[in-house]
Amino acid sequence: MTEIVCKITCNKCGHELQEKERVCPNCGSKKRTMHITAREELHIATSERLKIKDSQLPSNKKLRFDLIQGSVKSEITPNKRAKIKRVIDKNHDSYYEHVEDYDGTVLHHCEEPLSEHYGHGSAKKTSDNSHKPD
């Protein structure tokens, strides 16, 4: 949101003037200066991702650890952004996800064994209705 503030002062004595005043009521000077201040709020959104793979495993099972944290798009928050931390650890059978709005409101929290985390996102059942964990 942009905020603009306009202030007019007398060049001679510094008295603050109204916009319609042509002569300073304090000293009689006709010279004035207009100060305009514009303020814009900026939010920088970043996110980080860390992947750990085991090159000894077949290609569909190489990814063993996946961490993402930071700012993500969100259609349900007023500013269209949310904070996320998601950790998928296949070696320790762990799934953790925490999503919250920038005001601290928790939108989603899930902490469970990865082997029990199915039916969500990319963990949805396949066409033959089976779930095949690593």
N, C-alpha and C. Protein backbone atom coordinates (compact mmCIF):
# COMPACT_ATOMS: atom_id res chain seq x y z
N MET A 1 0.84 -1.16 0.00
CA MET A 1 0.00 0.00 0.00
C MET A 1 0.89 1.24 0.00
N THR A 2 0.56 2.22 -0.83
CA THR A 2 1.33 3.45 -0.92
C THR A 2 0.71 4.52 -0.05
N GLU A 3 1.55 5.20 0.72
CA GLU A 3 1.11 6.30 1.58
C GLU A 3 1.85 7.55 1.12
N ILE A 4 1.09 8.63 0.81
CA ILE A 4 1.70 9.88 0.35
C ILE A 4 1.32 10.99 1.33
N VAL A 5 2.33 11.73 1.80
CA VAL A 5 2.14 12.85 2.73
C VAL A 5 2.70 14.11 2.08
N CYS A 6 1.89 15.19 2.07
CA CYS A 6 2.30 16.46 1.47
C CYS A 6 2.28 17.53 2.57
N LYS A 7 3.38 18.29 2.66
CA LYS A 7 3.51 19.34 3.68
C LYS A 7 4.11 20.58 3.00
N ILE A 8 3.49 21.75 3.24
CA ILE A 8 3.98 23.01 2.67
C ILE A 8 4.49 23.88 3.80
N THR A 9 5.71 24.41 3.63
CA THR A 9 6.31 25.28 4.66
C THR A 9 6.79 26.59 4.03
N CYS A 10 6.86 27.62 4.87
CA CYS A 10 7.36 28.93 4.46
C CYS A 10 8.89 28.83 4.33
N ASN A 11 9.44 29.36 3.24
CA ASN A 11 10.89 29.33 3.02
C ASN A 11 11.63 30.21 4.03
N LYS A 12 11.00 31.26 4.52
CA LYS A 12 11.66 32.22 5.38
C LYS A 12 11.66 31.78 6.86
N CYS A 13 10.46 31.43 7.38
CA CYS A 13 10.38 31.12 8.82
C CYS A 13 10.11 29.64 9.13
N GLY A 14 9.77 28.84 8.13
CA GLY A 14 9.53 27.41 8.35
C GLY A 14 8.14 27.07 8.85
N HIS A 15 7.25 28.06 8.96
CA HIS A 15 5.87 27.85 9.43
C HIS A 15 5.14 26.93 8.44
N GLU A 16 4.37 25.95 8.95
CA GLU A 16 3.61 25.05 8.08
C GLU A 16 2.38 25.78 7.56
N LEU A 17 2.18 25.74 6.24
CA LEU A 17 1.10 26.47 5.58
C LEU A 17 0.03 25.51 5.06
N GLN A 18 -1.18 26.03 4.93
CA GLN A 18 -2.25 25.30 4.27
C GLN A 18 -2.06 25.47 2.76
N GLU A 19 -2.58 24.55 1.97
CA GLU A 19 -2.38 24.59 0.53
C GLU A 19 -2.91 25.88 -0.10
N LYS A 20 -4.01 26.42 0.40
CA LYS A 20 -4.62 27.61 -0.19
C LYS A 20 -3.95 28.92 0.24
N GLU A 21 -3.07 28.89 1.25
CA GLU A 21 -2.40 30.10 1.72
C GLU A 21 -1.28 30.49 0.76
N ARG A 22 -1.34 31.70 0.20
CA ARG A 22 -0.33 32.21 -0.74
C ARG A 22 0.73 33.03 -0.01
N VAL A 23 0.37 33.59 1.15
CA VAL A 23 1.27 34.42 1.95
C VAL A 23 1.35 33.81 3.34
N CYS A 24 2.55 33.72 3.90
CA CYS A 24 2.74 33.17 5.25
C CYS A 24 2.07 34.09 6.27
N PRO A 25 1.14 33.56 7.09
CA PRO A 25 0.49 34.39 8.10
C PRO A 25 1.44 34.76 9.24
N ASN A 26 2.57 34.08 9.34
CA ASN A 26 3.53 34.32 10.41
C ASN A 26 4.51 35.45 10.07
N CYS A 27 5.05 35.47 8.79
CA CYS A 27 6.08 36.46 8.44
C CYS A 27 5.76 37.27 7.17
N GLY A 28 4.74 36.89 6.43
CA GLY A 28 4.35 37.62 5.23
C GLY A 28 5.09 37.22 3.97
N SER A 29 5.96 36.25 4.03
CA SER A 29 6.72 35.81 2.86
C SER A 29 5.81 35.08 1.87
N LYS A 30 6.11 35.23 0.57
CA LYS A 30 5.34 34.55 -0.47
C LYS A 30 6.06 33.30 -0.98
N LYS A 31 7.26 33.06 -0.51
CA LYS A 31 8.03 31.88 -0.95
C LYS A 31 7.70 30.70 -0.05
N ARG A 32 7.43 29.59 -0.68
CA ARG A 32 7.10 28.38 0.08
C ARG A 32 7.73 27.16 -0.57
N THR A 33 7.84 26.10 0.21
CA THR A 33 8.41 24.84 -0.26
C THR A 33 7.41 23.73 0.02
N MET A 34 7.25 22.83 -0.97
CA MET A 34 6.35 21.69 -0.81
C MET A 34 7.20 20.44 -0.60
N HIS A 35 6.94 19.73 0.50
CA HIS A 35 7.63 18.48 0.83
C HIS A 35 6.66 17.33 0.57
N ILE A 36 7.04 16.43 -0.30
CA ILE A 36 6.19 15.27 -0.60
C ILE A 36 6.96 14.02 -0.19
N THR A 37 6.31 13.21 0.64
CA THR A 37 6.91 11.95 1.08
C THR A 37 6.01 10.81 0.61
N ALA A 38 6.60 9.85 -0.07
CA ALA A 38 5.86 8.66 -0.51
C ALA A 38 6.47 7.45 0.19
N ARG A 39 5.60 6.60 0.72
CA ARG A 39 6.07 5.41 1.42
C ARG A 39 5.38 4.19 0.82
N GLU A 40 6.17 3.21 0.45
CA GLU A 40 5.65 1.99 -0.14
C GLU A 40 6.13 0.82 0.71
N GLU A 41 5.21 -0.09 1.04
CA GLU A 41 5.57 -1.26 1.81
C GLU A 41 5.95 -2.38 0.85
N LEU A 42 7.07 -3.02 1.12
CA LEU A 42 7.58 -4.06 0.25
C LEU A 42 7.83 -5.32 1.07
N HIS A 43 7.39 -6.44 0.54
CA HIS A 43 7.63 -7.72 1.20
C HIS A 43 8.43 -8.60 0.24
N ILE A 44 9.59 -9.03 0.66
CA ILE A 44 10.43 -9.89 -0.16
C ILE A 44 10.17 -11.34 0.26
N ALA A 45 9.79 -12.14 -0.71
CA ALA A 45 9.46 -13.53 -0.43
C ALA A 45 10.55 -14.43 -0.99
N THR A 46 11.10 -15.28 -0.14
CA THR A 46 12.12 -16.23 -0.57
C THR A 46 11.78 -17.62 -0.03
N SER A 47 12.32 -18.61 -0.66
CA SER A 47 12.19 -19.96 -0.14
C SER A 47 13.46 -20.73 -0.49
N GLU A 48 13.75 -21.74 0.31
CA GLU A 48 14.94 -22.56 0.11
C GLU A 48 14.50 -24.01 0.00
N ARG A 49 15.27 -24.77 -0.76
CA ARG A 49 14.98 -26.20 -0.87
C ARG A 49 16.29 -26.97 -0.78
N LEU A 50 16.27 -28.06 -0.03
CA LEU A 50 17.43 -28.93 0.13
C LEU A 50 16.99 -30.35 -0.19
N LYS A 51 17.73 -30.98 -1.09
CA LYS A 51 17.45 -32.37 -1.44
C LYS A 51 18.70 -33.19 -1.19
N ILE A 52 18.52 -34.37 -0.62
CA ILE A 52 19.62 -35.30 -0.44
C ILE A 52 19.24 -36.60 -1.14
N LYS A 53 20.13 -37.03 -2.03
CA LYS A 53 19.87 -38.24 -2.80
C LYS A 53 20.93 -39.30 -2.51
N ASP A 54 20.53 -40.57 -2.64
CA ASP A 54 21.45 -41.69 -2.50
C ASP A 54 21.69 -42.27 -3.90
N SER A 55 22.86 -42.04 -4.44
CA SER A 55 23.16 -42.47 -5.81
C SER A 55 23.22 -43.99 -5.96
N GLN A 56 23.27 -44.72 -4.86
CA GLN A 56 23.34 -46.19 -4.92
C GLN A 56 21.98 -46.83 -5.17
N LEU A 57 20.90 -46.04 -5.02
CA LEU A 57 19.54 -46.57 -5.18
C LEU A 57 19.02 -46.34 -6.59
N PRO A 58 17.98 -47.10 -6.99
CA PRO A 58 17.38 -46.88 -8.32
C PRO A 58 16.83 -45.45 -8.43
N SER A 59 16.70 -44.96 -9.64
CA SER A 59 16.34 -43.54 -9.85
C SER A 59 15.05 -43.12 -9.16
N ASN A 60 14.03 -43.97 -9.10
CA ASN A 60 12.77 -43.58 -8.46
C ASN A 60 12.84 -43.61 -6.94
N LYS A 61 13.96 -44.05 -6.35
CA LYS A 61 14.10 -44.10 -4.89
C LYS A 61 15.32 -43.32 -4.39
N LYS A 62 16.01 -42.60 -5.29
CA LYS A 62 17.22 -41.89 -4.89
C LYS A 62 16.99 -40.79 -3.88
N LEU A 63 15.90 -40.02 -4.04
CA LEU A 63 15.63 -38.90 -3.15
C LEU A 63 15.29 -39.44 -1.75
N ARG A 64 16.13 -39.13 -0.77
CA ARG A 64 15.94 -39.65 0.59
C ARG A 64 15.48 -38.58 1.57
N PHE A 65 15.82 -37.31 1.29
CA PHE A 65 15.48 -36.22 2.20
C PHE A 65 15.13 -35.01 1.36
N ASP A 66 14.01 -34.36 1.69
CA ASP A 66 13.56 -33.18 0.94
C ASP A 66 13.05 -32.16 1.95
N LEU A 67 13.67 -30.97 1.95
CA LEU A 67 13.27 -29.89 2.85
C LEU A 67 12.95 -28.67 2.01
N ILE A 68 11.80 -28.06 2.27
CA ILE A 68 11.46 -26.78 1.66
C ILE A 68 10.94 -25.88 2.77
N GLN A 69 11.43 -24.63 2.78
CA GLN A 69 10.95 -23.67 3.77
C GLN A 69 11.02 -22.27 3.18
N GLY A 70 10.09 -21.44 3.62
CA GLY A 70 10.05 -20.07 3.14
C GLY A 70 8.67 -19.65 2.74
N SER A 71 8.59 -18.79 1.74
CA SER A 71 7.34 -18.21 1.30
C SER A 71 6.82 -18.93 0.06
N VAL A 72 5.53 -19.24 0.06
CA VAL A 72 4.89 -19.91 -1.07
C VAL A 72 3.58 -19.20 -1.43
N LYS A 73 3.09 -19.41 -2.63
CA LYS A 73 1.80 -18.85 -3.04
C LYS A 73 0.68 -19.49 -2.23
N SER A 74 -0.34 -18.68 -1.92
CA SER A 74 -1.49 -19.19 -1.20
C SER A 74 -2.73 -18.44 -1.68
N GLU A 75 -3.73 -19.16 -2.08
CA GLU A 75 -4.97 -18.53 -2.55
C GLU A 75 -5.91 -18.17 -1.40
N ILE A 76 -5.63 -18.66 -0.19
CA ILE A 76 -6.56 -18.42 0.93
C ILE A 76 -6.11 -17.32 1.89
N THR A 77 -4.94 -16.73 1.66
CA THR A 77 -4.48 -15.66 2.53
C THR A 77 -4.68 -14.30 1.85
N PRO A 78 -4.87 -13.25 2.63
CA PRO A 78 -5.12 -11.92 2.05
C PRO A 78 -4.01 -11.42 1.12
N ASN A 79 -2.75 -11.67 1.49
CA ASN A 79 -1.63 -11.19 0.65
C ASN A 79 -1.15 -12.24 -0.35
N LYS A 80 -1.88 -13.35 -0.46
CA LYS A 80 -1.58 -14.43 -1.43
C LYS A 80 -0.24 -15.12 -1.19
N ARG A 81 0.30 -15.03 0.03
CA ARG A 81 1.54 -15.70 0.39
C ARG A 81 1.37 -16.38 1.75
N ALA A 82 2.12 -17.43 1.99
CA ALA A 82 2.12 -18.13 3.28
C ALA A 82 3.54 -18.63 3.55
N LYS A 83 3.82 -18.91 4.83
CA LYS A 83 5.11 -19.48 5.22
C LYS A 83 4.95 -20.99 5.35
N ILE A 84 5.94 -21.72 4.83
CA ILE A 84 5.86 -23.18 4.88
C ILE A 84 7.18 -23.77 5.35
N LYS A 85 7.07 -24.88 6.04
CA LYS A 85 8.23 -25.73 6.31
C LYS A 85 7.75 -27.16 6.11
N ARG A 86 8.37 -27.86 5.16
CA ARG A 86 8.02 -29.24 4.88
C ARG A 86 9.29 -30.07 4.87
N VAL A 87 9.28 -31.16 5.63
CA VAL A 87 10.43 -32.06 5.70
C VAL A 87 9.93 -33.47 5.40
N ILE A 88 10.51 -34.07 4.37
CA ILE A 88 10.22 -35.46 4.03
C ILE A 88 11.52 -36.23 4.20
N ASP A 89 11.53 -37.14 5.16
CA ASP A 89 12.74 -37.92 5.46
C ASP A 89 12.41 -39.40 5.29
N LYS A 90 12.78 -39.96 4.16
CA LYS A 90 12.45 -41.35 3.87
C LYS A 90 13.27 -42.33 4.71
N ASN A 91 14.50 -41.96 5.05
CA ASN A 91 15.33 -42.86 5.85
C ASN A 91 14.79 -43.02 7.27
N HIS A 92 14.10 -42.01 7.78
CA HIS A 92 13.54 -42.07 9.14
C HIS A 92 12.02 -42.14 9.16
N ASP A 93 11.41 -42.45 7.99
CA ASP A 93 9.96 -42.61 7.86
C ASP A 93 9.21 -41.43 8.51
N SER A 94 9.56 -40.21 8.09
CA SER A 94 9.01 -39.03 8.74
C SER A 94 8.47 -38.02 7.71
N TYR A 95 7.28 -37.48 8.01
CA TYR A 95 6.70 -36.41 7.20
C TYR A 95 6.27 -35.30 8.16
N TYR A 96 6.72 -34.06 7.88
CA TYR A 96 6.36 -32.90 8.70
C TYR A 96 6.02 -31.76 7.75
N GLU A 97 4.88 -31.11 8.00
CA GLU A 97 4.51 -29.94 7.21
C GLU A 97 3.78 -28.95 8.11
N HIS A 98 4.22 -27.69 8.05
CA HIS A 98 3.59 -26.62 8.83
C HIS A 98 3.45 -25.41 7.92
N VAL A 99 2.21 -24.92 7.75
CA VAL A 99 1.93 -23.78 6.90
C VAL A 99 1.18 -22.75 7.73
N GLU A 100 1.63 -21.49 7.67
CA GLU A 100 0.94 -20.43 8.40
C GLU A 100 0.94 -19.14 7.61
N ASP A 101 -0.05 -18.29 7.92
CA ASP A 101 -0.15 -16.97 7.32
C ASP A 101 0.91 -16.08 7.96
N TYR A 102 1.17 -14.92 7.36
CA TYR A 102 2.18 -14.02 7.90
C TYR A 102 1.77 -13.37 9.21
N ASP A 103 0.49 -13.49 9.60
CA ASP A 103 0.08 -12.98 10.92
C ASP A 103 0.20 -14.07 11.99
N GLY A 104 0.67 -15.26 11.62
CA GLY A 104 0.90 -16.34 12.58
C GLY A 104 -0.22 -17.36 12.66
N THR A 105 -1.30 -17.17 11.91
CA THR A 105 -2.42 -18.12 11.91
C THR A 105 -2.00 -19.41 11.22
N VAL A 106 -2.15 -20.54 11.93
CA VAL A 106 -1.78 -21.84 11.36
C VAL A 106 -2.85 -22.26 10.36
N LEU A 107 -2.43 -22.49 9.13
CA LEU A 107 -3.35 -22.91 8.07
C LEU A 107 -3.39 -24.42 7.94
N HIS A 108 -2.24 -25.07 8.22
CA HIS A 108 -2.15 -26.53 8.10
C HIS A 108 -0.96 -27.02 8.91
N HIS A 109 -1.15 -28.14 9.60
CA HIS A 109 -0.05 -28.76 10.33
C HIS A 109 -0.23 -30.27 10.24
N CYS A 110 0.83 -30.95 9.85
CA CYS A 110 0.79 -32.41 9.75
C CYS A 110 2.15 -32.96 10.15
N GLU A 111 2.13 -33.92 11.07
CA GLU A 111 3.35 -34.57 11.52
C GLU A 111 3.01 -36.03 11.74
N GLU A 112 3.58 -36.91 10.89
CA GLU A 112 3.23 -38.33 10.96
C GLU A 112 4.30 -39.16 10.27
N PRO A 113 4.27 -40.47 10.47
CA PRO A 113 5.20 -41.32 9.73
C PRO A 113 4.92 -41.20 8.23
N LEU A 114 5.94 -41.14 7.43
CA LEU A 114 5.78 -41.02 5.99
C LEU A 114 5.00 -42.21 5.42
N SER A 115 5.18 -43.37 6.00
CA SER A 115 4.48 -44.57 5.53
C SER A 115 2.97 -44.46 5.71
N GLU A 116 2.52 -43.57 6.58
CA GLU A 116 1.08 -43.36 6.79
C GLU A 116 0.55 -42.13 6.05
N HIS A 117 1.44 -41.40 5.41
CA HIS A 117 1.05 -40.17 4.71
C HIS A 117 0.74 -40.50 3.25
N TYR A 118 -0.51 -40.77 2.98
CA TYR A 118 -0.92 -41.03 1.61
C TYR A 118 -2.32 -40.45 1.40
N GLY A 119 -2.67 -40.28 0.14
CA GLY A 119 -3.95 -39.65 -0.18
C GLY A 119 -3.86 -38.14 -0.22
N HIS A 120 -2.65 -37.57 -0.18
CA HIS A 120 -2.43 -36.13 -0.20
C HIS A 120 -1.44 -35.79 -1.31
N GLY A 121 -1.69 -34.73 -2.07
CA GLY A 121 -0.73 -34.24 -3.06
C GLY A 121 -0.16 -35.33 -3.93
N SER A 122 1.16 -35.42 -4.02
CA SER A 122 1.80 -36.42 -4.87
C SER A 122 1.74 -37.82 -4.25
N ALA A 123 1.26 -37.93 -3.00
CA ALA A 123 1.14 -39.23 -2.35
C ALA A 123 -0.23 -39.86 -2.57
N LYS A 124 -1.02 -39.30 -3.50
CA LYS A 124 -2.34 -39.87 -3.77
C LYS A 124 -2.21 -41.27 -4.34
N LYS A 125 -3.27 -42.05 -4.13
CA LYS A 125 -3.26 -43.43 -4.61
C LYS A 125 -3.17 -43.46 -6.13
N THR A 126 -2.57 -44.52 -6.65
CA THR A 126 -2.47 -44.70 -8.09
C THR A 126 -3.79 -45.21 -8.63
N SER A 127 -3.89 -45.38 -9.93
CA SER A 127 -5.14 -45.81 -10.56
C SER A 127 -5.59 -47.20 -10.08
N ASP A 128 -4.64 -48.01 -9.60
CA ASP A 128 -5.05 -49.33 -9.09
C ASP A 128 -5.33 -49.29 -7.58
N ASN A 129 -5.52 -48.04 -7.02
CA ASN A 129 -5.87 -47.81 -5.60
C ASN A 129 -4.86 -48.36 -4.62
N SER A 130 -3.60 -48.40 -5.00
CA SER A 130 -2.57 -48.85 -4.07
C SER A 130 -1.59 -47.71 -3.79
N HIS A 131 -0.98 -47.77 -2.63
CA HIS A 131 0.04 -46.79 -2.26
C HIS A 131 1.33 -47.57 -2.09
N LYS A 132 2.36 -47.11 -2.78
CA LYS A 132 3.62 -47.86 -2.77
C LYS A 132 4.72 -46.99 -2.17
N PRO A 133 4.92 -47.03 -0.83
CA PRO A 133 6.02 -46.24 -0.23
C PRO A 133 7.36 -46.83 -0.59
N ASP A 134 8.42 -45.99 -0.48
CA ASP A 134 9.78 -46.45 -0.76
C ASP A 134 10.23 -47.46 0.24
